[in-house]
Amino acid sequence: MSTETNKGFLAVLLSLFDIRNVIGSLLAVYGIILLLMGLFGDPEVDKTGGPNANLWAGIVLLVIGAVFIAWGVLRPVVPDAPGSSKVNEDK
């Protein structure tokens, strides 16, 4: 039972610190900040000639961050079992 618990804990740690989740979380945080600035920011500061650049960039970053996080959840990293190394025996 102890090895089963260790495998589950290792799988959770690997999925938590998977680079896709880290990148997706950072993109989502920046997307939320830009989205809020686009919604509640001072409209006189906008110098983009019409479209609200912060709003659109925030939406795009949120979508890309969600894709990265979904990718990490749907295709998790599965560690190899110890001792199951593949040795090339073509001699």
PDB file of N, CA and C in Angstrom:
ATOM      1  N   MET A   1       0.822  -1.182   0.000  1.00  0.00           N
ATOM      2  CA  MET A   1       0.000   0.000   0.000  1.00  0.00           C
ATOM      3  C   MET A   1       0.867   1.247   0.000  1.00  0.00           C
ATOM      4  N   SER A   2       2.019   1.171   0.625  1.00  0.00           N
ATOM      5  CA  SER A   2       2.908   2.329   0.682  1.00  0.00           C
ATOM      6  C   SER A   2       3.427   2.696  -0.699  1.00  0.00           C
ATOM      7  N   THR A   3       3.786   1.695  -1.495  1.00  0.00           N
ATOM      8  CA  THR A   3       4.275   1.995  -2.844  1.00  0.00           C
ATOM      9  C   THR A   3       3.157   2.559  -3.713  1.00  0.00           C
ATOM     10  N   GLU A   4       1.923   2.104  -3.484  1.00  0.00           N
ATOM     11  CA  GLU A   4       0.781   2.641  -4.236  1.00  0.00           C
ATOM     12  C   GLU A   4       0.557   4.108  -3.881  1.00  0.00           C
ATOM     13  N   THR A   5       0.704   4.458  -2.610  1.00  0.00           N
ATOM     14  CA  THR A   5       0.564   5.847  -2.173  1.00  0.00           C
ATOM     15  C   THR A   5       1.683   6.698  -2.744  1.00  0.00           C
ATOM     16  N   ASN A   6       2.910   6.171  -2.756  1.00  0.00           N
ATOM     17  CA  ASN A   6       4.040   6.915  -3.308  1.00  0.00           C
ATOM     18  C   ASN A   6       3.865   7.161  -4.801  1.00  0.00           C
ATOM     19  N   LYS A   7       3.345   6.177  -5.530  1.00  0.00           N
ATOM     20  CA  LYS A   7       3.117   6.356  -6.965  1.00  0.00           C
ATOM     21  C   LYS A   7       2.073   7.436  -7.213  1.00  0.00           C
ATOM     22  N   GLY A   8       1.016   7.440  -6.409  1.00  0.00           N
ATOM     23  CA  GLY A   8      -0.018   8.460  -6.561  1.00  0.00           C
ATOM     24  C   GLY A   8       0.506   9.843  -6.231  1.00  0.00           C
ATOM     25  N   PHE A   9       1.318   9.935  -5.179  1.00  0.00           N
ATOM     26  CA  PHE A   9       1.900  11.219  -4.787  1.00  0.00           C
ATOM     27  C   PHE A   9       2.868  11.719  -5.849  1.00  0.00           C
ATOM     28  N   LEU A  10       3.665  10.820  -6.408  1.00  0.00           N
ATOM     29  CA  LEU A  10       4.601  11.196  -7.469  1.00  0.00           C
ATOM     30  C   LEU A  10       3.855  11.670  -8.714  1.00  0.00           C
ATOM     31  N   ALA A  11       2.768  10.996  -9.051  1.00  0.00           N
ATOM     32  CA  ALA A  11       1.978  11.405 -10.216  1.00  0.00           C
ATOM     33  C   ALA A  11       1.371  12.787 -10.008  1.00  0.00           C
ATOM     34  N   VAL A  12       0.905  13.075  -8.796  1.00  0.00           N
ATOM     35  CA  VAL A  12       0.345  14.398  -8.498  1.00  0.00           C
ATOM     36  C   VAL A  12       1.431  15.458  -8.583  1.00  0.00           C
ATOM     37  N   LEU A  13       2.611  15.182  -8.041  1.00  0.00           N
ATOM     38  CA  LEU A  13       3.708  16.149  -8.112  1.00  0.00           C
ATOM     39  C   LEU A  13       4.147  16.397  -9.548  1.00  0.00           C
ATOM     40  N   LEU A  14       4.231  15.329 -10.339  1.00  0.00           N
ATOM     41  CA  LEU A  14       4.626  15.496 -11.735  1.00  0.00           C
ATOM     42  C   LEU A  14       3.605  16.319 -12.504  1.00  0.00           C
ATOM     43  N   SER A  15       2.333  16.081 -12.253  1.00  0.00           N
ATOM     44  CA  SER A  15       1.321  16.847 -12.978  1.00  0.00           C
ATOM     45  C   SER A  15       1.248  18.281 -12.479  1.00  0.00           C
ATOM     46  N   LEU A  16       1.525  18.509 -11.210  1.00  0.00           N
ATOM     47  CA  LEU A  16       1.477  19.861 -10.658  1.00  0.00           C
ATOM     48  C   LEU A  16       2.590  20.724 -11.223  1.00  0.00           C
ATOM     49  N   PHE A  17       3.777  20.177 -11.336  1.00  0.00           N
ATOM     50  CA  PHE A  17       4.925  20.942 -11.807  1.00  0.00           C
ATOM     51  C   PHE A  17       5.252  20.665 -13.272  1.00  0.00           C
ATOM     52  N   ASP A  18       4.286  20.143 -14.000  1.00  0.00           N
ATOM     53  CA  ASP A  18       4.458  19.959 -15.439  1.00  0.00           C
ATOM     54  C   ASP A  18       4.585  21.336 -16.080  1.00  0.00           C
ATOM     55  N   ILE A  19       5.505  21.476 -17.011  1.00  0.00           N
ATOM     56  CA  ILE A  19       5.793  22.782 -17.602  1.00  0.00           C
ATOM     57  C   ILE A  19       4.564  23.349 -18.308  1.00  0.00           C
ATOM     58  N   ARG A  20       3.700  22.481 -18.830  1.00  0.00           N
ATOM     59  CA  ARG A  20       2.483  22.964 -19.493  1.00  0.00           C
ATOM     60  C   ARG A  20       1.556  23.645 -18.503  1.00  0.00           C
ATOM     61  N   ASN A  21       1.455  23.103 -17.288  1.00  0.00           N
ATOM     62  CA  ASN A  21       0.606  23.722 -16.273  1.00  0.00           C
ATOM     63  C   ASN A  21       1.196  25.036 -15.779  1.00  0.00           C
ATOM     64  N   VAL A  22       2.505  25.095 -15.634  1.00  0.00           N
ATOM     65  CA  VAL A  22       3.155  26.325 -15.184  1.00  0.00           C
ATOM     66  C   VAL A  22       2.967  27.424 -16.223  1.00  0.00           C
ATOM     67  N   ILE A  23       3.232  27.109 -17.487  1.00  0.00           N
ATOM     68  CA  ILE A  23       3.080  28.106 -18.552  1.00  0.00           C
ATOM     69  C   ILE A  23       1.617  28.516 -18.686  1.00  0.00           C
ATOM     70  N   GLY A  24       0.716  27.552 -18.656  1.00  0.00           N
ATOM     71  CA  GLY A  24      -0.708  27.864 -18.762  1.00  0.00           C
ATOM     72  C   GLY A  24      -1.202  28.734 -17.627  1.00  0.00           C
ATOM     73  N   SER A  25      -0.725  28.475 -16.417  1.00  0.00           N
ATOM     74  CA  SER A  25      -1.127  29.294 -15.270  1.00  0.00           C
ATOM     75  C   SER A  25      -0.609  30.718 -15.393  1.00  0.00           C
ATOM     76  N   LEU A  26       0.644  30.869 -15.805  1.00  0.00           N
ATOM     77  CA  LEU A  26       1.195  32.218 -15.978  1.00  0.00           C
ATOM     78  C   LEU A  26       0.455  32.984 -17.070  1.00  0.00           C
ATOM     79  N   LEU A  27       0.180  32.328 -18.186  1.00  0.00           N
ATOM     80  CA  LEU A  27      -0.565  32.990 -19.254  1.00  0.00           C
ATOM     81  C   LEU A  27      -1.963  33.383 -18.788  1.00  0.00           C
ATOM     82  N   ALA A  28      -2.602  32.519 -18.008  1.00  0.00           N
ATOM     83  CA  ALA A  28      -3.942  32.826 -17.512  1.00  0.00           C
ATOM     84  C   ALA A  28      -3.920  34.006 -16.539  1.00  0.00           C
ATOM     85  N   VAL A  29      -2.915  34.064 -15.670  1.00  0.00           N
ATOM     86  CA  VAL A  29      -2.815  35.188 -14.728  1.00  0.00           C
ATOM     87  C   VAL A  29      -2.608  36.496 -15.481  1.00  0.00           C
ATOM     88  N   TYR A  30      -1.688  36.505 -16.449  1.00  0.00           N
ATOM     89  CA  TYR A  30      -1.476  37.717 -17.247  1.00  0.00           C
ATOM     90  C   TYR A  30      -2.725  38.054 -18.058  1.00  0.00           C
ATOM     91  N   GLY A  31      -3.430  37.048 -18.532  1.00  0.00           N
ATOM     92  CA  GLY A  31      -4.664  37.283 -19.271  1.00  0.00           C
ATOM     93  C   GLY A  31      -5.734  37.921 -18.411  1.00  0.00           C
ATOM     94  N   ILE A  32      -5.859  37.465 -17.161  1.00  0.00           N
ATOM     95  CA  ILE A  32      -6.834  38.059 -16.243  1.00  0.00           C
ATOM     96  C   ILE A  32      -6.489  39.512 -15.961  1.00  0.00           C
ATOM     97  N   ILE A  33      -5.209  39.784 -15.737  1.00  0.00           N
ATOM     98  CA  ILE A  33      -4.785  41.164 -15.473  1.00  0.00           C
ATOM     99  C   ILE A  33      -5.106  42.057 -16.668  1.00  0.00           C
ATOM    100  N   LEU A  34      -4.760  41.608 -17.872  1.00  0.00           N
ATOM    101  CA  LEU A  34      -5.037  42.418 -19.061  1.00  0.00           C
ATOM    102  C   LEU A  34      -6.533  42.553 -19.323  1.00  0.00           C
ATOM    103  N   LEU A  35      -7.280  41.504 -19.068  1.00  0.00           N
ATOM    104  CA  LEU A  35      -8.722  41.566 -19.255  1.00  0.00           C
ATOM    105  C   LEU A  35      -9.348  42.593 -18.314  1.00  0.00           C
ATOM    106  N   LEU A  36      -8.925  42.573 -17.060  1.00  0.00           N
ATOM    107  CA  LEU A  36      -9.443  43.553 -16.100  1.00  0.00           C
ATOM    108  C   LEU A  36      -9.026  44.974 -16.464  1.00  0.00           C
ATOM    109  N   MET A  37      -7.791  45.132 -16.927  1.00  0.00           N
ATOM    110  CA  MET A  37      -7.348  46.463 -17.357  1.00  0.00           C
ATOM    111  C   MET A  37      -8.124  46.924 -18.590  1.00  0.00           C
ATOM    112  N   GLY A  38      -8.468  46.003 -19.462  1.00  0.00           N
ATOM    113  CA  GLY A  38      -9.252  46.358 -20.638  1.00  0.00           C
ATOM    114  C   GLY A  38     -10.677  46.741 -20.292  1.00  0.00           C
ATOM    115  N   LEU A  39     -11.244  46.072 -19.281  1.00  0.00           N
ATOM    116  CA  LEU A  39     -12.619  46.367 -18.889  1.00  0.00           C
ATOM    117  C   LEU A  39     -12.729  47.616 -18.022  1.00  0.00           C
ATOM    118  N   PHE A  40     -11.802  47.773 -17.083  1.00  0.00           N
ATOM    119  CA  PHE A  40     -11.924  48.843 -16.099  1.00  0.00           C
ATOM    120  C   PHE A  40     -10.854  49.911 -16.215  1.00  0.00           C
ATOM    121  N   GLY A  41      -9.997  49.830 -17.222  1.00  0.00           N
ATOM    122  CA  GLY A  41      -8.924  50.806 -17.393  1.00  0.00           C
ATOM    123  C   GLY A  41      -9.455  52.145 -17.876  1.00  0.00           C
ATOM    124  N   ASP A  42      -8.597  53.140 -17.824  1.00  0.00           N
ATOM    125  CA  ASP A  42      -8.947  54.488 -18.255  1.00  0.00           C
ATOM    126  C   ASP A  42      -9.021  54.522 -19.784  1.00  0.00           C
ATOM    127  N   PRO A  43     -10.170  54.844 -20.372  1.00  0.00           N
ATOM    128  CA  PRO A  43     -10.282  54.829 -21.835  1.00  0.00           C
ATOM    129  C   PRO A  43      -9.485  55.934 -22.517  1.00  0.00           C
ATOM    130  N   GLU A  44      -9.097  56.976 -21.802  1.00  0.00           N
ATOM    131  CA  GLU A  44      -8.313  58.050 -22.409  1.00  0.00           C
ATOM    132  C   GLU A  44      -6.875  57.612 -22.674  1.00  0.00           C
ATOM    133  N   VAL A  45      -6.442  56.586 -22.013  1.00  0.00           N
ATOM    134  CA  VAL A  45      -5.071  56.112 -22.178  1.00  0.00           C
ATOM    135  C   VAL A  45      -4.947  55.253 -23.437  1.00  0.00           C
ATOM    136  N   ASP A  46      -6.066  54.720 -23.913  1.00  0.00           N
ATOM    137  CA  ASP A  46      -6.032  53.847 -25.095  1.00  0.00           C
ATOM    138  C   ASP A  46      -5.586  54.644 -26.316  1.00  0.00           C
ATOM    139  N   LYS A  47      -4.507  54.203 -26.921  1.00  0.00           N
ATOM    140  CA  LYS A  47      -3.995  54.871 -28.112  1.00  0.00           C
ATOM    141  C   LYS A  47      -3.823  53.868 -29.249  1.00  0.00           C
ATOM    142  N   THR A  48      -4.745  52.928 -29.320  1.00  0.00           N
ATOM    143  CA  THR A  48      -4.624  51.891 -30.342  1.00  0.00           C
ATOM    144  C   THR A  48      -5.447  52.199 -31.578  1.00  0.00           C
ATOM    145  N   GLY A  49      -6.186  53.279 -31.575  1.00  0.00           N
ATOM    146  CA  GLY A  49      -6.950  53.662 -32.747  1.00  0.00           C
ATOM    147  C   GLY A  49      -8.289  52.963 -32.873  1.00  0.00           C
ATOM    148  N   GLY A  50      -8.852  52.500 -31.816  1.00  0.00           N
ATOM    149  CA  GLY A  50     -10.179  51.881 -31.896  1.00  0.00           C
ATOM    150  C   GLY A  50     -10.332  50.664 -31.012  1.00  0.00           C
ATOM    151  N   PRO A  51      -9.742  49.533 -31.378  1.00  0.00           N
ATOM    152  CA  PRO A  51      -9.952  48.331 -30.559  1.00  0.00           C
ATOM    153  C   PRO A  51      -9.211  48.424 -29.227  1.00  0.00           C
ATOM    154  N   ASN A  52      -9.789  47.805 -28.232  1.00  0.00           N
ATOM    155  CA  ASN A  52      -9.182  47.790 -26.906  1.00  0.00           C
ATOM    156  C   ASN A  52      -8.139  46.669 -26.873  1.00  0.00           C
ATOM    157  N   ALA A  53      -6.872  47.035 -26.991  1.00  0.00           N
ATOM    158  CA  ALA A  53      -5.791  46.048 -27.102  1.00  0.00           C
ATOM    159  C   ALA A  53      -5.663  45.208 -25.835  1.00  0.00           C
ATOM    160  N   ASN A  54      -5.824  45.815 -24.662  1.00  0.00           N
ATOM    161  CA  ASN A  54      -5.715  45.052 -23.417  1.00  0.00           C
ATOM    162  C   ASN A  54      -6.813  43.999 -23.318  1.00  0.00           C
ATOM    163  N   LEU A  55      -8.010  44.361 -23.716  1.00  0.00           N
ATOM    164  CA  LEU A  55      -9.128  43.428 -23.647  1.00  0.00           C
ATOM    165  C   LEU A  55      -8.901  42.230 -24.563  1.00  0.00           C
ATOM    166  N   TRP A  56      -8.531  42.480 -25.803  1.00  0.00           N
ATOM    167  CA  TRP A  56      -8.330  41.391 -26.751  1.00  0.00           C
ATOM    168  C   TRP A  56      -7.109  40.545 -26.408  1.00  0.00           C
ATOM    169  N   ALA A  57      -6.039  41.172 -25.978  1.00  0.00           N
ATOM    170  CA  ALA A  57      -4.850  40.407 -25.583  1.00  0.00           C
ATOM    171  C   ALA A  57      -5.150  39.552 -24.353  1.00  0.00           C
ATOM    172  N   GLY A  58      -5.927  40.082 -23.417  1.00  0.00           N
ATOM    173  CA  GLY A  58      -6.308  39.316 -22.234  1.00  0.00           C
ATOM    174  C   GLY A  58      -7.150  38.105 -22.576  1.00  0.00           C
ATOM    175  N   ILE A  59      -8.094  38.289 -23.500  1.00  0.00           N
ATOM    176  CA  ILE A  59      -8.936  37.165 -23.921  1.00  0.00           C
ATOM    177  C   ILE A  59      -8.091  36.087 -24.598  1.00  0.00           C
ATOM    178  N   VAL A  60      -7.195  36.505 -25.478  1.00  0.00           N
ATOM    179  CA  VAL A  60      -6.338  35.541 -26.184  1.00  0.00           C
ATOM    180  C   VAL A  60      -5.437  34.797 -25.199  1.00  0.00           C
ATOM    181  N   LEU A  61      -4.853  35.513 -24.243  1.00  0.00           N
ATOM    182  CA  LEU A  61      -3.989  34.856 -23.258  1.00  0.00           C
ATOM    183  C   LEU A  61      -4.772  33.883 -22.386  1.00  0.00           C
ATOM    184  N   LEU A  62      -5.999  34.229 -22.017  1.00  0.00           N
ATOM    185  CA  LEU A  62      -6.820  33.305 -21.234  1.00  0.00           C
ATOM    186  C   LEU A  62      -7.132  32.035 -22.023  1.00  0.00           C
ATOM    187  N   VAL A  63      -7.442  32.180 -23.293  1.00  0.00           N
ATOM    188  CA  VAL A  63      -7.745  31.007 -24.118  1.00  0.00           C
ATOM    189  C   VAL A  63      -6.508  30.123 -24.270  1.00  0.00           C
ATOM    190  N   ILE A  64      -5.364  30.731 -24.554  1.00  0.00           N
ATOM    191  CA  ILE A  64      -4.135  29.946 -24.717  1.00  0.00           C
ATOM    192  C   ILE A  64      -3.736  29.285 -23.396  1.00  0.00           C
ATOM    193  N   GLY A  65      -3.878  30.001 -22.280  1.00  0.00           N
ATOM    194  CA  GLY A  65      -3.588  29.415 -20.972  1.00  0.00           C
ATOM    195  C   GLY A  65      -4.499  28.238 -20.674  1.00  0.00           C
ATOM    196  N   ALA A  66      -5.784  28.357 -21.024  1.00  0.00           N
ATOM    197  CA  ALA A  66      -6.724  27.253 -20.812  1.00  0.00           C
ATOM    198  C   ALA A  66      -6.364  26.051 -21.678  1.00  0.00           C
ATOM    199  N   VAL A  67      -5.888  26.302 -22.892  1.00  0.00           N
ATOM    200  CA  VAL A  67      -5.467  25.203 -23.769  1.00  0.00           C
ATOM    201  C   VAL A  67      -4.264  24.476 -23.170  1.00  0.00           C
ATOM    202  N   PHE A  68      -3.296  25.226 -22.653  1.00  0.00           N
ATOM    203  CA  PHE A  68      -2.124  24.601 -22.040  1.00  0.00           C
ATOM    204  C   PHE A  68      -2.518  23.773 -20.819  1.00  0.00           C
ATOM    205  N   ILE A  69      -3.381  24.309 -19.972  1.00  0.00           N
ATOM    206  CA  ILE A  69      -3.790  23.578 -18.767  1.00  0.00           C
ATOM    207  C   ILE A  69      -4.602  22.342 -19.148  1.00  0.00           C
ATOM    208  N   ALA A  70      -5.495  22.475 -20.126  1.00  0.00           N
ATOM    209  CA  ALA A  70      -6.274  21.316 -20.574  1.00  0.00           C
ATOM    210  C   ALA A  70      -5.367  20.247 -21.172  1.00  0.00           C
ATOM    211  N   TRP A  71      -4.348  20.671 -21.904  1.00  0.00           N
ATOM    212  CA  TRP A  71      -3.386  19.735 -22.481  1.00  0.00           C
ATOM    213  C   TRP A  71      -2.673  18.961 -21.373  1.00  0.00           C
ATOM    214  N   GLY A  72      -2.277  19.652 -20.316  1.00  0.00           N
ATOM    215  CA  GLY A  72      -1.601  18.992 -19.205  1.00  0.00           C
ATOM    216  C   GLY A  72      -2.508  18.044 -18.441  1.00  0.00           C
ATOM    217  N   VAL A  73      -3.801  18.375 -18.358  1.00  0.00           N
ATOM    218  CA  VAL A  73      -4.739  17.522 -17.630  1.00  0.00           C
ATOM    219  C   VAL A  73      -5.149  16.316 -18.476  1.00  0.00           C
ATOM    220  N   LEU A  74      -5.385  16.545 -19.761  1.00  0.00           N
ATOM    221  CA  LEU A  74      -5.854  15.458 -20.622  1.00  0.00           C
ATOM    222  C   LEU A  74      -4.750  14.489 -21.026  1.00  0.00           C
ATOM    223  N   ARG A  75      -3.509  14.958 -21.103  1.00  0.00           N
ATOM    224  CA  ARG A  75      -2.370  14.103 -21.459  1.00  0.00           C
ATOM    225  C   ARG A  75      -1.297  14.228 -20.383  1.00  0.00           C
ATOM    226  N   PRO A  76      -1.535  13.650 -19.187  1.00  0.00           N
ATOM    227  CA  PRO A  76      -0.572  13.816 -18.097  1.00  0.00           C
ATOM    228  C   PRO A  76       0.726  13.059 -18.351  1.00  0.00           C
ATOM    229  N   VAL A  77       1.755  13.491 -17.651  1.00  0.00           N
ATOM    230  CA  VAL A  77       3.051  12.820 -17.716  1.00  0.00           C
ATOM    231  C   VAL A  77       2.963  11.548 -16.884  1.00  0.00           C
ATOM    232  N   VAL A  78       3.322  10.429 -17.484  1.00  0.00           N
ATOM    233  CA  VAL A  78       3.292   9.148 -16.786  1.00  0.00           C
ATOM    234  C   VAL A  78       4.730   8.687 -16.617  1.00  0.00           C
ATOM    235  N   PRO A  79       5.197   8.579 -15.365  1.00  0.00           N
ATOM    236  CA  PRO A  79       6.586   8.149 -15.165  1.00  0.00           C
ATOM    237  C   PRO A  79       6.756   6.680 -15.514  1.00  0.00           C
ATOM    238  N   ASP A  80       7.939   6.351 -16.017  1.00  0.00           N
ATOM    239  CA  ASP A  80       8.261   4.960 -16.315  1.00  0.00           C
ATOM    240  C   ASP A  80       8.433   4.187 -15.020  1.00  0.00           C
ATOM    241  N   ALA A  81       8.087   2.917 -15.067  1.00  0.00           N
ATOM    242  CA  ALA A  81       8.275   2.064 -13.904  1.00  0.00           C
ATOM    243  C   ALA A  81       9.766   1.834 -13.697  1.00  0.00           C
ATOM    244  N   PRO A  82      10.212   1.802 -12.437  1.00  0.00           N
ATOM    245  CA  PRO A  82      11.633   1.561 -12.196  1.00  0.00           C
ATOM    246  C   PRO A  82      12.040   0.174 -12.687  1.00  0.00           C
ATOM    247  N   GLY A  83      13.187   0.113 -13.341  1.00  0.00           N
ATOM    248  CA  GLY A  83      13.704  -1.159 -13.820  1.00  0.00           C
ATOM    249  C   GLY A  83      13.182  -1.549 -15.189  1.00  0.00           C
ATOM    250  N   SER A  84      12.406  -0.691 -15.805  1.00  0.00           N
ATOM    251  CA  SER A  84      11.872  -1.024 -17.126  1.00  0.00           C
ATOM    252  C   SER A  84      12.579  -0.217 -18.209  1.00  0.00           C
ATOM    253  N   SER A  85      13.896  -0.128 -18.074  1.00  0.00           N
ATOM    254  CA  SER A  85      14.662   0.624 -19.069  1.00  0.00           C
ATOM    255  C   SER A  85      14.757  -0.191 -20.347  1.00  0.00           C
ATOM    256  N   LYS A  86      14.676   0.515 -21.459  1.00  0.00           N
ATOM    257  CA  LYS A  86      14.754  -0.152 -22.754  1.00  0.00           C
ATOM    258  C   LYS A  86      16.210  -0.196 -23.183  1.00  0.00           C
ATOM    259  N   VAL A  87      16.718  -1.406 -23.347  1.00  0.00           N
ATOM    260  CA  VAL A  87      18.105  -1.593 -23.742  1.00  0.00           C
ATOM    261  C   VAL A  87      18.112  -2.118 -25.168  1.00  0.00           C
ATOM    262  N   ASN A  88      18.893  -1.486 -26.000  1.00  0.00           N
ATOM    263  CA  ASN A  88      19.001  -1.916 -27.387  1.00  0.00           C
ATOM    264  C   ASN A  88      19.940  -3.113 -27.460  1.00  0.00           C
ATOM    265  N   GLU A  89      19.389  -4.260 -27.837  1.00  0.00           N
ATOM    266  CA  GLU A  89      20.177  -5.492 -27.873  1.00  0.00           C
ATOM    267  C   GLU A  89      20.373  -5.973 -29.299  1.00  0.00           C
ATOM    268  N   ASP A  90      20.605  -5.081 -30.232  1.00  0.00           N
ATOM    269  CA  ASP A  90      20.851  -5.444 -31.632  1.00  0.00           C
ATOM    270  C   ASP A  90      22.341  -5.670 -31.831  1.00  0.00           C
ATOM    271  N   LYS A  91      22.782  -6.901 -31.606  1.00  0.00           N
ATOM    272  CA  LYS A  91      24.212  -7.209 -31.749  1.00  0.00           C
ATOM    273  C   LYS A  91      24.394  -8.255 -32.791  1.00  0.00           C
TER     274      LYS A  91
END
